[in-house]
Amino acid sequence: MRKFLFILAATICFIDVAQSQNVIIGEIAPDLKIKQWLMDLQPEETDYTCILFYHSESPQCRKNLAAVKSLCKAVENMNMVILTKEQYSEAGVTLTEHLGNNTCVAFDDSGRSFRNFGVKFIPFCVICDKKRTVMWCGHAGTLNQRIIEKIINVKTK
């Protein structure tokens, strides 16, 4: 009986964790609902786009932003979109330093993109091809060069 109650309690406690994101590898990614682009800079069309769901007050997000940005910069045909629910006036100044040739910042202060993607934690990251097919998704801290190389190699075969 104790074992049953323990399993029942664990199931109830972790039910939210067990729910998956609305993103499935191999499926088309949901639409991004962007209210505004930082300095009106939108990404150019490339073979791949890395979307990083972000919040500037999160130490985990700040740490992983630098790592993901350097990974994306190393791939010549990959854009990076930093997507935040924060207001332009709150996060715009701190995110300006991250703008670059392949990096743009988008504001979704209504949270629609976060809901469409079913984001339950940040920093959440999604890599899509130019047809918006999801190639990879997960915690930004788990993204590494080997994963990116696998994505590119799978698409070129």
Protein backbone atom coordinates (compact mmCIF):
# COMPACT_ATOMS: atom_id res chain seq x y z
CA MET A 1 0.00 0.00 0.00
CA ARG A 2 2.84 2.42 0.83
CA LYS A 3 4.48 1.68 -2.49
CA PHE A 4 1.22 2.40 -4.32
CA LEU A 5 0.72 5.70 -2.48
CA PHE A 6 4.31 6.72 -3.21
CA ILE A 7 3.88 5.99 -6.92
CA LEU A 8 0.56 7.84 -6.99
CA ALA A 9 2.05 10.88 -5.22
CA ALA A 10 5.08 10.92 -7.53
CA THR A 11 2.83 10.72 -10.58
CA ILE A 12 0.70 13.63 -9.40
CA CYS A 13 3.77 15.74 -8.53
CA PHE A 14 5.50 15.18 -11.85
CA ILE A 15 2.50 15.31 -14.18
CA ASP A 16 3.41 18.82 -15.37
CA VAL A 17 6.98 17.71 -16.05
CA ALA A 18 5.72 14.78 -18.09
CA GLN A 19 3.77 17.05 -20.44
CA SER A 20 5.82 17.60 -23.56
CA GLN A 21 6.37 20.80 -25.47
CA ASN A 22 4.13 21.50 -28.48
CA VAL A 23 7.19 20.95 -30.64
CA ILE A 24 7.83 17.60 -32.27
CA ILE A 25 11.01 16.83 -34.17
CA GLY A 26 10.20 16.31 -37.83
CA GLU A 27 6.96 18.31 -37.64
CA ILE A 28 6.34 21.92 -38.72
CA ALA A 29 7.07 24.44 -35.97
CA PRO A 30 4.23 26.68 -34.77
CA ASP A 31 4.12 30.24 -36.07
CA LEU A 32 6.09 32.89 -34.22
CA LYS A 33 3.88 35.74 -33.06
CA ILE A 34 6.29 38.65 -32.99
CA LYS A 35 5.11 42.04 -31.83
CA GLN A 36 8.35 43.86 -32.52
CA TRP A 37 11.95 43.25 -33.62
CA LEU A 38 14.77 44.97 -31.79
CA MET A 39 15.90 47.90 -33.95
CA ASP A 40 13.62 46.47 -36.69
CA LEU A 41 16.32 43.92 -37.61
CA GLN A 42 14.70 40.71 -38.83
CA PRO A 43 16.59 37.55 -39.75
CA GLU A 44 17.36 36.87 -43.39
CA GLU A 45 16.27 33.53 -44.80
CA THR A 46 18.88 30.84 -44.22
CA ASP A 47 18.95 27.06 -44.16
CA TYR A 48 18.50 26.91 -40.35
CA THR A 49 17.11 29.08 -37.58
CA CYS A 50 17.80 28.63 -33.89
CA ILE A 51 15.07 30.11 -31.69
CA LEU A 52 16.09 30.73 -28.09
CA PHE A 53 13.23 31.40 -25.66
CA TYR A 54 14.80 33.81 -23.20
CA HIS A 55 14.35 36.09 -20.18
CA SER A 56 17.03 38.62 -19.30
CA GLU A 57 16.65 38.24 -15.53
CA SER A 58 17.41 34.51 -15.63
CA PRO A 59 21.06 33.69 -14.89
CA GLN A 60 20.59 30.36 -16.69
CA CYS A 61 19.35 32.17 -19.82
CA ARG A 62 22.23 34.66 -19.78
CA LYS A 63 24.77 31.86 -19.39
CA ASN A 64 23.31 29.75 -22.19
CA LEU A 65 22.77 32.69 -24.54
CA ALA A 66 26.51 33.19 -24.94
CA ALA A 67 27.08 29.48 -25.61
CA VAL A 68 24.24 29.10 -28.11
CA LYS A 69 25.21 32.33 -29.85
CA SER A 70 28.78 31.11 -30.39
CA LEU A 71 27.51 27.75 -31.70
CA CYS A 72 25.19 29.46 -34.18
CA LYS A 73 27.87 31.92 -35.26
CA ALA A 74 30.13 28.98 -36.18
CA VAL A 75 27.53 27.73 -38.68
CA GLU A 76 27.48 29.97 -41.73
CA ASN A 77 23.90 29.14 -42.75
CA MET A 78 22.17 29.47 -39.35
CA ASN A 79 20.32 32.45 -37.89
CA MET A 80 19.60 32.91 -34.22
CA VAL A 81 16.41 34.51 -32.93
CA ILE A 82 16.36 35.45 -29.25
CA LEU A 83 12.68 35.50 -28.28
CA THR A 84 11.53 37.14 -25.07
CA LYS A 85 8.20 37.89 -23.39
CA GLU A 86 9.67 41.02 -21.85
CA GLN A 87 8.71 44.52 -22.89
CA TYR A 88 10.91 46.24 -25.47
CA SER A 89 11.54 49.07 -23.00
CA GLU A 90 12.73 46.63 -20.31
CA ALA A 91 14.97 44.25 -22.24
CA GLY A 92 15.82 46.13 -25.42
CA VAL A 93 18.89 47.88 -24.05
CA THR A 94 20.46 44.75 -22.54
CA LEU A 95 19.79 42.65 -25.65
CA THR A 96 21.17 45.20 -28.14
CA GLU A 97 24.70 43.92 -27.55
CA HIS A 98 23.66 40.52 -28.93
CA LEU A 99 22.51 41.82 -32.31
CA GLY A 100 24.74 40.70 -35.14
CA ASN A 101 24.89 39.44 -38.70
CA ASN A 102 23.10 36.24 -37.79
CA THR A 103 21.42 37.21 -34.49
CA CYS A 104 18.10 39.07 -34.05
CA VAL A 105 15.92 39.79 -31.04
CA ALA A 106 12.14 39.41 -31.12
CA PHE A 107 9.59 40.60 -28.58
CA ASP A 108 6.50 38.53 -27.80
CA ASP A 109 5.19 40.44 -24.80
CA SER A 110 1.78 38.77 -25.12
CA GLY A 111 3.43 35.35 -24.75
CA ARG A 112 1.63 33.87 -27.78
CA SER A 113 4.77 32.31 -29.28
CA PHE A 114 5.70 30.84 -25.91
CA ARG A 115 2.20 29.31 -25.68
CA ASN A 116 2.20 28.12 -29.31
CA PHE A 117 5.48 26.32 -28.71
CA GLY A 118 4.29 25.09 -25.30
CA VAL A 119 7.38 26.43 -23.58
CA LYS A 120 7.43 25.25 -19.96
CA PHE A 121 11.02 26.19 -19.09
CA ILE A 122 13.67 28.60 -20.20
CA PRO A 123 16.13 28.68 -21.81
CA PHE A 124 14.25 26.53 -24.32
CA CYS A 125 15.73 26.21 -27.78
CA VAL A 126 14.35 25.05 -31.15
CA ILE A 127 16.29 24.58 -34.38
CA CYS A 128 14.25 24.58 -37.61
CA ASP A 129 15.16 24.31 -41.25
CA LYS A 130 14.01 26.88 -43.82
CA LYS A 131 10.71 25.01 -44.27
CA ARG A 132 10.10 25.38 -40.49
CA THR A 133 10.59 21.65 -39.89
CA VAL A 134 11.80 21.12 -36.33
CA MET A 135 15.24 19.54 -36.38
CA TRP A 136 16.01 19.72 -32.65
CA CYS A 137 14.48 21.10 -29.46
CA GLY A 138 15.38 21.09 -25.79
CA HIS A 139 17.16 22.92 -23.01
CA ALA A 140 19.64 25.38 -24.51
CA GLY A 141 22.33 24.12 -22.14
CA THR A 142 22.30 20.71 -23.84
CA LEU A 143 22.90 22.08 -27.34
CA ASN A 144 26.45 21.47 -28.52
CA GLN A 145 28.56 21.36 -31.68
CA ARG A 146 28.01 17.63 -32.17
CA ILE A 147 24.21 18.07 -32.21
CA ILE A 148 24.45 20.89 -34.76
CA GLU A 149 26.77 18.82 -36.95
CA LYS A 150 24.29 15.91 -36.85
CA ILE A 151 21.44 18.23 -37.88
CA ILE A 152 23.38 19.58 -40.84
CA ASN A 153 24.64 16.12 -41.87
CA VAL A 154 21.14 14.63 -41.74
CA LYS A 155 19.77 17.35 -44.01
CA THR A 156 22.59 17.07 -46.55
CA LYS A 157 22.32 13.29 -46.99
